[in-house]
Full PDB file with SEQRES, HELIX, SHEET, SSBOND, CRYST1, ORIGX, SCALE, CONECT and MASTER records, all heavy atoms in Angstrom:
SEQRES   1 A   31  GLY ALA LYS TYR LEU PRO LYS PHE PRO GLN GLY LYS PRO          
SEQRES   2 A   31  PRO ALA LEU ASP MET ILE GLY MET ILE LEU ALA PRO ILE          
SEQRES   3 A   31  ALA PHE SER SER ILE                                          
HELIX    1 AA1 MET A   18  SER A   30  1                                  13    
CRYST1    1.000    1.000    1.000  90.00  90.00  90.00 P 1           1          
ORIGX1      1.000000  0.000000  0.000000        0.00000                         
ORIGX2      0.000000  1.000000  0.000000        0.00000                         
ORIGX3      0.000000  0.000000  1.000000        0.00000                         
SCALE1      1.000000  0.000000  0.000000        0.00000                         
SCALE2      0.000000  1.000000  0.000000        0.00000                         
SCALE3      0.000000  0.000000  1.000000        0.00000                         
ATOM      1  N   GLY A   1     124.827  43.393 210.360  1.00  0.00           N  
ATOM      2  CA  GLY A   1     125.086  42.009 210.759  1.00  0.00           C  
ATOM      3  C   GLY A   1     125.297  41.100 209.566  1.00  0.00           C  
ATOM      4  O   GLY A   1     126.198  40.252 209.555  1.00  0.00           O  
ATOM      5  N   ALA A   2     124.436  41.245 208.527  1.00  0.00           N  
ATOM      6  CA  ALA A   2     124.567  40.404 207.332  1.00  0.00           C  
ATOM      7  C   ALA A   2     125.901  40.613 206.647  1.00  0.00           C  
ATOM      8  O   ALA A   2     126.497  39.677 206.107  1.00  0.00           O  
ATOM      9  CB  ALA A   2     123.413  40.703 206.378  1.00  0.00           C  
ATOM     10  N   LYS A   3     126.397  41.858 206.672  1.00  0.00           N  
ATOM     11  CA  LYS A   3     127.623  42.175 205.958  1.00  0.00           C  
ATOM     12  C   LYS A   3     128.878  41.851 206.757  1.00  0.00           C  
ATOM     13  O   LYS A   3     129.886  41.376 206.194  1.00  0.00           O  
ATOM     14  CB  LYS A   3     127.614  43.657 205.576  1.00  0.00           C  
ATOM     15  CG  LYS A   3     128.773  44.051 204.669  1.00  0.00           C  
ATOM     16  CD  LYS A   3     128.604  45.455 204.129  1.00  0.00           C  
ATOM     17  CE  LYS A   3     129.735  45.791 203.161  1.00  0.00           C  
ATOM     18  NZ  LYS A   3     129.598  47.152 202.602  1.00  0.00           N  
ATOM     19  N   TYR A   4     128.832  42.065 208.079  1.00  0.00           N  
ATOM     20  CA  TYR A   4     130.077  42.021 208.852  1.00  0.00           C  
ATOM     21  C   TYR A   4     130.182  40.889 209.877  1.00  0.00           C  
ATOM     22  O   TYR A   4     131.284  40.584 210.316  1.00  0.00           O  
ATOM     23  CB  TYR A   4     130.291  43.356 209.574  1.00  0.00           C  
ATOM     24  CG  TYR A   4     130.511  44.515 208.637  1.00  0.00           C  
ATOM     25  CD1 TYR A   4     129.523  45.490 208.473  1.00  0.00           C  
ATOM     26  CD2 TYR A   4     131.679  44.632 207.898  1.00  0.00           C  
ATOM     27  CE1 TYR A   4     129.705  46.561 207.601  1.00  0.00           C  
ATOM     28  CE2 TYR A   4     131.881  45.699 207.029  1.00  0.00           C  
ATOM     29  CZ  TYR A   4     130.886  46.651 206.887  1.00  0.00           C  
ATOM     30  OH  TYR A   4     131.081  47.699 206.030  1.00  0.00           O  
ATOM     31  N   LEU A   5     129.070  40.294 210.272  1.00  0.00           N  
ATOM     32  CA  LEU A   5     129.179  39.191 211.230  1.00  0.00           C  
ATOM     33  C   LEU A   5     129.723  37.957 210.513  1.00  0.00           C  
ATOM     34  O   LEU A   5     129.166  37.542 209.492  1.00  0.00           O  
ATOM     35  CB  LEU A   5     127.819  38.873 211.859  1.00  0.00           C  
ATOM     36  CG  LEU A   5     127.334  39.806 212.974  1.00  0.00           C  
ATOM     37  CD1 LEU A   5     125.935  39.407 213.415  1.00  0.00           C  
ATOM     38  CD2 LEU A   5     128.286  39.796 214.161  1.00  0.00           C  
ATOM     39  N   PRO A   6     130.773  37.346 211.036  1.00  0.00           N  
ATOM     40  CA  PRO A   6     131.315  36.152 210.378  1.00  0.00           C  
ATOM     41  C   PRO A   6     130.472  34.920 210.681  1.00  0.00           C  
ATOM     42  O   PRO A   6     129.697  34.907 211.637  1.00  0.00           O  
ATOM     43  CB  PRO A   6     132.713  36.022 211.005  1.00  0.00           C  
ATOM     44  CG  PRO A   6     132.555  36.605 212.371  1.00  0.00           C  
ATOM     45  CD  PRO A   6     131.552  37.724 212.233  1.00  0.00           C  
ATOM     46  N   LYS A   7     130.632  33.908 209.861  1.00  0.00           N  
ATOM     47  CA  LYS A   7     129.978  32.631 210.131  1.00  0.00           C  
ATOM     48  C   LYS A   7     130.868  31.805 211.052  1.00  0.00           C  
ATOM     49  O   LYS A   7     132.062  31.666 210.803  1.00  0.00           O  
ATOM     50  CB  LYS A   7     129.711  31.874 208.830  1.00  0.00           C  
ATOM     51  CG  LYS A   7     128.612  32.486 207.987  1.00  0.00           C  
ATOM     52  CD  LYS A   7     128.271  31.588 206.806  1.00  0.00           C  
ATOM     53  CE  LYS A   7     127.119  32.176 206.001  1.00  0.00           C  
ATOM     54  NZ  LYS A   7     126.767  31.320 204.845  1.00  0.00           N  
ATOM     55  N   PHE A   8     130.267  31.275 212.099  1.00  0.00           N  
ATOM     56  CA  PHE A   8     130.995  30.453 213.051  1.00  0.00           C  
ATOM     57  C   PHE A   8     130.734  28.983 212.743  1.00  0.00           C  
ATOM     58  O   PHE A   8     129.652  28.628 212.261  1.00  0.00           O  
ATOM     59  CB  PHE A   8     130.543  30.754 214.487  1.00  0.00           C  
ATOM     60  CG  PHE A   8     130.865  32.148 214.947  1.00  0.00           C  
ATOM     61  CD1 PHE A   8     129.979  33.192 214.730  1.00  0.00           C  
ATOM     62  CD2 PHE A   8     132.053  32.418 215.609  1.00  0.00           C  
ATOM     63  CE1 PHE A   8     130.261  34.471 215.158  1.00  0.00           C  
ATOM     64  CE2 PHE A   8     132.354  33.699 216.039  1.00  0.00           C  
ATOM     65  CZ  PHE A   8     131.460  34.726 215.811  1.00  0.00           C  
ATOM     66  N   PRO A   9     131.702  28.121 213.040  1.00  0.00           N  
ATOM     67  CA  PRO A   9     131.428  26.688 212.883  1.00  0.00           C  
ATOM     68  C   PRO A   9     130.334  26.243 213.852  1.00  0.00           C  
ATOM     69  O   PRO A   9     130.315  26.662 215.006  1.00  0.00           O  
ATOM     70  CB  PRO A   9     132.779  26.037 213.237  1.00  0.00           C  
ATOM     71  CG  PRO A   9     133.523  27.066 214.021  1.00  0.00           C  
ATOM     72  CD  PRO A   9     133.077  28.387 213.502  1.00  0.00           C  
ATOM     73  N   GLN A  10     129.408  25.446 213.340  1.00  0.00           N  
ATOM     74  CA  GLN A  10     128.298  24.979 214.169  1.00  0.00           C  
ATOM     75  C   GLN A  10     128.755  23.842 215.067  1.00  0.00           C  
ATOM     76  O   GLN A  10     129.475  22.935 214.633  1.00  0.00           O  
ATOM     77  CB  GLN A  10     127.131  24.532 213.290  1.00  0.00           C  
ATOM     78  CG  GLN A  10     126.473  25.679 212.536  1.00  0.00           C  
ATOM     79  CD  GLN A  10     125.381  25.205 211.607  1.00  0.00           C  
ATOM     80  OE1 GLN A  10     125.182  25.762 210.542  1.00  0.00           O  
ATOM     81  NE2 GLN A  10     124.667  24.165 212.008  1.00  0.00           N  
ATOM     82  N   GLY A  11     128.317  23.911 216.328  1.00  0.00           N  
ATOM     83  CA  GLY A  11     128.614  22.840 217.262  1.00  0.00           C  
ATOM     84  C   GLY A  11     127.580  21.731 217.155  1.00  0.00           C  
ATOM     85  O   GLY A  11     126.594  21.840 216.421  1.00  0.00           O  
ATOM     86  N   LYS A  12     127.835  20.671 217.877  1.00  0.00           N  
ATOM     87  CA  LYS A  12     126.869  19.567 217.904  1.00  0.00           C  
ATOM     88  C   LYS A  12     125.824  19.883 218.957  1.00  0.00           C  
ATOM     89  O   LYS A  12     126.141  19.971 220.144  1.00  0.00           O  
ATOM     90  CB  LYS A  12     127.576  18.250 218.229  1.00  0.00           C  
ATOM     91  CG  LYS A  12     126.634  17.057 218.166  1.00  0.00           C  
ATOM     92  CD  LYS A  12     127.368  15.758 218.463  1.00  0.00           C  
ATOM     93  CE  LYS A  12     126.405  14.572 218.396  1.00  0.00           C  
ATOM     94  NZ  LYS A  12     127.077  13.297 218.711  1.00  0.00           N  
ATOM     95  N   PRO A  13     124.570  20.097 218.555  1.00  0.00           N  
ATOM     96  CA  PRO A  13     123.557  20.497 219.537  1.00  0.00           C  
ATOM     97  C   PRO A  13     123.234  19.357 220.493  1.00  0.00           C  
ATOM     98  O   PRO A  13     123.161  18.192 220.081  1.00  0.00           O  
ATOM     99  CB  PRO A  13     122.340  20.854 218.674  1.00  0.00           C  
ATOM    100  CG  PRO A  13     122.534  20.077 217.422  1.00  0.00           C  
ATOM    101  CD  PRO A  13     124.016  19.986 217.205  1.00  0.00           C  
ATOM    102  N   PRO A  14     123.026  19.667 221.771  1.00  0.00           N  
ATOM    103  CA  PRO A  14     122.607  18.631 222.716  1.00  0.00           C  
ATOM    104  C   PRO A  14     121.158  18.230 222.458  1.00  0.00           C  
ATOM    105  O   PRO A  14     120.448  18.880 221.677  1.00  0.00           O  
ATOM    106  CB  PRO A  14     122.751  19.330 224.074  1.00  0.00           C  
ATOM    107  CG  PRO A  14     122.576  20.787 223.771  1.00  0.00           C  
ATOM    108  CD  PRO A  14     123.155  20.987 222.405  1.00  0.00           C  
ATOM    109  N   ALA A  15     120.742  17.170 223.103  1.00  0.00           N  
ATOM    110  CA  ALA A  15     119.345  16.732 222.965  1.00  0.00           C  
ATOM    111  C   ALA A  15     118.426  17.816 223.516  1.00  0.00           C  
ATOM    112  O   ALA A  15     118.673  18.369 224.587  1.00  0.00           O  
ATOM    113  CB  ALA A  15     119.148  15.421 223.732  1.00  0.00           C  
ATOM    114  N   LEU A  16     117.384  18.142 222.781  1.00  0.00           N  
ATOM    115  CA  LEU A  16     116.479  19.211 223.178  1.00  0.00           C  
ATOM    116  C   LEU A  16     115.485  18.700 224.218  1.00  0.00           C  
ATOM    117  O   LEU A  16     114.848  17.661 224.034  1.00  0.00           O  
ATOM    118  CB  LEU A  16     115.733  19.753 221.964  1.00  0.00           C  
ATOM    119  CG  LEU A  16     114.842  20.974 222.209  1.00  0.00           C  
ATOM    120  CD1 LEU A  16     115.660  22.129 222.755  1.00  0.00           C  
ATOM    121  CD2 LEU A  16     114.128  21.377 220.928  1.00  0.00           C  
ATOM    122  N   ASP A  17     115.360  19.437 225.304  1.00  0.00           N  
ATOM    123  CA  ASP A  17     114.460  19.082 226.401  1.00  0.00           C  
ATOM    124  C   ASP A  17     113.051  19.576 226.058  1.00  0.00           C  
ATOM    125  O   ASP A  17     112.629  20.642 226.504  1.00  0.00           O  
ATOM    126  CB  ASP A  17     114.992  19.716 227.699  1.00  0.00           C  
ATOM    127  CG  ASP A  17     114.112  19.426 228.905  1.00  0.00           C  
ATOM    128  OD1 ASP A  17     113.210  18.574 228.790  1.00  0.00           O  
ATOM    129  OD2 ASP A  17     114.331  20.069 229.947  1.00  0.00           O  
ATOM    130  N   MET A  18     112.328  18.789 225.261  1.00  0.00           N  
ATOM    131  CA  MET A  18     111.016  19.203 224.771  1.00  0.00           C  
ATOM    132  C   MET A  18     109.999  19.341 225.911  1.00  0.00           C  
ATOM    133  O   MET A  18     109.202  20.278 225.938  1.00  0.00           O  
ATOM    134  CB  MET A  18     110.495  18.205 223.731  1.00  0.00           C  
ATOM    135  CG  MET A  18     111.197  18.293 222.385  1.00  0.00           C  
ATOM    136  SD  MET A  18     110.965  19.901 221.576  1.00  0.00           S  
ATOM    137  CE  MET A  18     109.186  19.934 221.384  1.00  0.00           C  
ATOM    138  N   ILE A  19     110.024  18.392 226.858  1.00  0.00           N  
ATOM    139  CA  ILE A  19     109.043  18.445 227.956  1.00  0.00           C  
ATOM    140  C   ILE A  19     109.275  19.699 228.799  1.00  0.00           C  
ATOM    141  O   ILE A  19     108.329  20.389 229.197  1.00  0.00           O  
ATOM    142  CB  ILE A  19     109.137  17.168 228.819  1.00  0.00           C  
ATOM    143  CG1 ILE A  19     108.821  15.934 227.970  1.00  0.00           C  
ATOM    144  CG2 ILE A  19     108.180  17.254 230.007  1.00  0.00           C  
ATOM    145  CD1 ILE A  19     108.939  14.623 228.717  1.00  0.00           C  
ATOM    146  N   GLY A  20     110.549  20.013 229.053  1.00  0.00           N  
ATOM    147  CA  GLY A  20     110.856  21.225 229.798  1.00  0.00           C  
ATOM    148  C   GLY A  20     110.401  22.476 229.071  1.00  0.00           C  
ATOM    149  O   GLY A  20     109.899  23.428 229.675  1.00  0.00           O  
ATOM    150  N   MET A  21     110.555  22.474 227.729  1.00  0.00           N  
ATOM    151  CA  MET A  21     110.117  23.622 226.924  1.00  0.00           C  
ATOM    152  C   MET A  21     108.614  23.847 227.030  1.00  0.00           C  
ATOM    153  O   MET A  21     108.145  24.984 226.991  1.00  0.00           O  
ATOM    154  CB  MET A  21     110.475  23.393 225.457  1.00  0.00           C  
ATOM    155  CG  MET A  21     111.907  23.705 225.088  1.00  0.00           C  
ATOM    156  SD  MET A  21     112.158  23.482 223.309  1.00  0.00           S  
ATOM    157  CE  MET A  21     110.994  24.677 222.653  1.00  0.00           C  
ATOM    158  N   ILE A  22     107.846  22.780 227.179  1.00  0.00           N  
ATOM    159  CA  ILE A  22     106.384  22.893 227.274  1.00  0.00           C  
ATOM    160  C   ILE A  22     105.967  23.311 228.674  1.00  0.00           C  
ATOM    161  O   ILE A  22     105.113  24.186 228.865  1.00  0.00           O  
ATOM    162  CB  ILE A  22     105.713  21.556 226.883  1.00  0.00           C  
ATOM    163  CG1 ILE A  22     105.988  21.250 225.404  1.00  0.00           C  
ATOM    164  CG2 ILE A  22     104.213  21.606 227.159  1.00  0.00           C  
ATOM    165  CD1 ILE A  22     105.581  19.852 224.988  1.00  0.00           C  
ATOM    166  N   LEU A  23     106.586  22.693 229.689  1.00  0.00           N  
ATOM    167  CA  LEU A  23     106.160  22.926 231.072  1.00  0.00           C  
ATOM    168  C   LEU A  23     106.548  24.303 231.589  1.00  0.00           C  
ATOM    169  O   LEU A  23     105.785  24.921 232.347  1.00  0.00           O  
ATOM    170  CB  LEU A  23     106.751  21.851 231.987  1.00  0.00           C  
ATOM    171  CG  LEU A  23     106.171  20.446 231.859  1.00  0.00           C  
ATOM    172  CD1 LEU A  23     106.964  19.460 232.715  1.00  0.00           C  
ATOM    173  CD2 LEU A  23     104.699  20.436 232.291  1.00  0.00           C  
ATOM    174  N   ALA A  24     107.727  24.815 231.207  1.00  0.00           N  
ATOM    175  CA  ALA A  24     108.207  26.083 231.772  1.00  0.00           C  
ATOM    176  C   ALA A  24     107.264  27.259 231.473  1.00  0.00           C  
ATOM    177  O   ALA A  24     106.866  27.980 232.399  1.00  0.00           O  
ATOM    178  CB  ALA A  24     109.624  26.373 231.281  1.00  0.00           C  
ATOM    179  N   PRO A  25     106.870  27.495 230.204  1.00  0.00           N  
ATOM    180  CA  PRO A  25     105.949  28.620 229.962  1.00  0.00           C  
ATOM    181  C   PRO A  25     104.605  28.461 230.661  1.00  0.00           C  
ATOM    182  O   PRO A  25     104.034  29.441 231.142  1.00  0.00           O  
ATOM    183  CB  PRO A  25     105.775  28.609 228.434  1.00  0.00           C  
ATOM    184  CG  PRO A  25     106.969  27.884 227.908  1.00  0.00           C  
ATOM    185  CD  PRO A  25     107.299  26.853 228.947  1.00  0.00           C  
ATOM    186  N   ILE A  26     104.100  27.212 230.724  1.00  0.00           N  
ATOM    187  CA  ILE A  26     102.826  26.984 231.412  1.00  0.00           C  
ATOM    188  C   ILE A  26     102.959  27.352 232.884  1.00  0.00           C  
ATOM    189  O   ILE A  26     102.106  28.048 233.459  1.00  0.00           O  
ATOM    190  CB  ILE A  26     102.373  25.512 231.256  1.00  0.00           C  
ATOM    191  CG1 ILE A  26     102.045  25.197 229.797  1.00  0.00           C  
ATOM    192  CG2 ILE A  26     101.166  25.223 232.146  1.00  0.00           C  
ATOM    193  CD1 ILE A  26     101.741  23.730 229.536  1.00  0.00           C  
ATOM    194  N   ALA A  27     104.051  26.900 233.510  1.00  0.00           N  
ATOM    195  CA  ALA A  27     104.247  27.146 234.940  1.00  0.00           C  
ATOM    196  C   ALA A  27     104.386  28.639 235.224  1.00  0.00           C  
ATOM    197  O   ALA A  27     103.679  29.195 236.076  1.00  0.00           O  
ATOM    198  CB  ALA A  27     105.480  26.390 235.434  1.00  0.00           C  
ATOM    199  N   PHE A  28     105.272  29.298 234.504  1.00  0.00           N  
ATOM    200  CA  PHE A  28     105.584  30.694 234.820  1.00  0.00           C  
ATOM    201  C   PHE A  28     104.419  31.623 234.495  1.00  0.00           C  
ATOM    202  O   PHE A  28     104.088  32.515 235.284  1.00  0.00           O  
ATOM    203  CB  PHE A  28     106.841  31.143 234.069  1.00  0.00           C  
ATOM    204  CG  PHE A  28     108.068  30.344 234.426  1.00  0.00           C  
ATOM    205  CD1 PHE A  28     109.044  30.077 233.481  1.00  0.00           C  
ATOM    206  CD2 PHE A  28     108.238  29.837 235.703  1.00  0.00           C  
ATOM    207  CE1 PHE A  28     110.179  29.346 233.801  1.00  0.00           C  
ATOM    208  CE2 PHE A  28     109.361  29.105 236.042  1.00  0.00           C  
ATOM    209  CZ  PHE A  28     110.332  28.851 235.086  1.00  0.00           C  
ATOM    210  N   SER A  29     103.778  31.439 233.334  1.00  0.00           N  
ATOM    211  CA  SER A  29     102.678  32.333 232.962  1.00  0.00           C  
ATOM    212  C   SER A  29     101.463  32.114 233.867  1.00  0.00           C  
ATOM    213  O   SER A  29     100.776  33.076 234.239  1.00  0.00           O  
ATOM    214  CB  SER A  29     102.287  32.123 231.499  1.00  0.00           C  
ATOM    215  OG  SER A  29     101.916  30.782 231.254  1.00  0.00           O  
ATOM    216  N   SER A  30     101.189  30.868 234.244  1.00  0.00           N  
ATOM    217  CA  SER A  30     100.045  30.589 235.126  1.00  0.00           C  
ATOM    218  C   SER A  30     100.249  31.191 236.507  1.00  0.00           C  
ATOM    219  O   SER A  30      99.330  31.783 237.083  1.00  0.00           O  
ATOM    220  CB  SER A  30      99.815  29.079 235.246  1.00  0.00           C  
ATOM    221  OG  SER A  30      99.489  28.509 234.008  1.00  0.00           O  
ATOM    222  N   ILE A  31     101.460  31.048 237.047  1.00  0.00           N  
ATOM    223  CA  ILE A  31     101.731  31.617 238.369  1.00  0.00           C  
ATOM    224  C   ILE A  31     101.666  33.143 238.321  1.00  0.00           C  
ATOM    225  O   ILE A  31     101.101  33.781 239.213  1.00  0.00           O  
ATOM    226  CB  ILE A  31     103.097  31.139 238.896  1.00  0.00           C  
ATOM    227  CG1 ILE A  31     103.052  29.626 239.165  1.00  0.00           C  
ATOM    228  CG2 ILE A  31     103.475  31.875 240.179  1.00  0.00           C  
ATOM    229  CD1 ILE A  31     104.384  29.033 239.570  1.00  0.00           C  
TER     230      ILE A  31                                                      
MASTER        0    0    0    1    0    0    0    6  229    1    0    3          
END                                                                             
């Protein structure tokens, strides 16, 4: 991968859903 994978132009990242990132693992692992 280091030798042959090309570098791609980076896109503009969307706003990160931090609250969703916290709630999802809590919900799924608890259930």
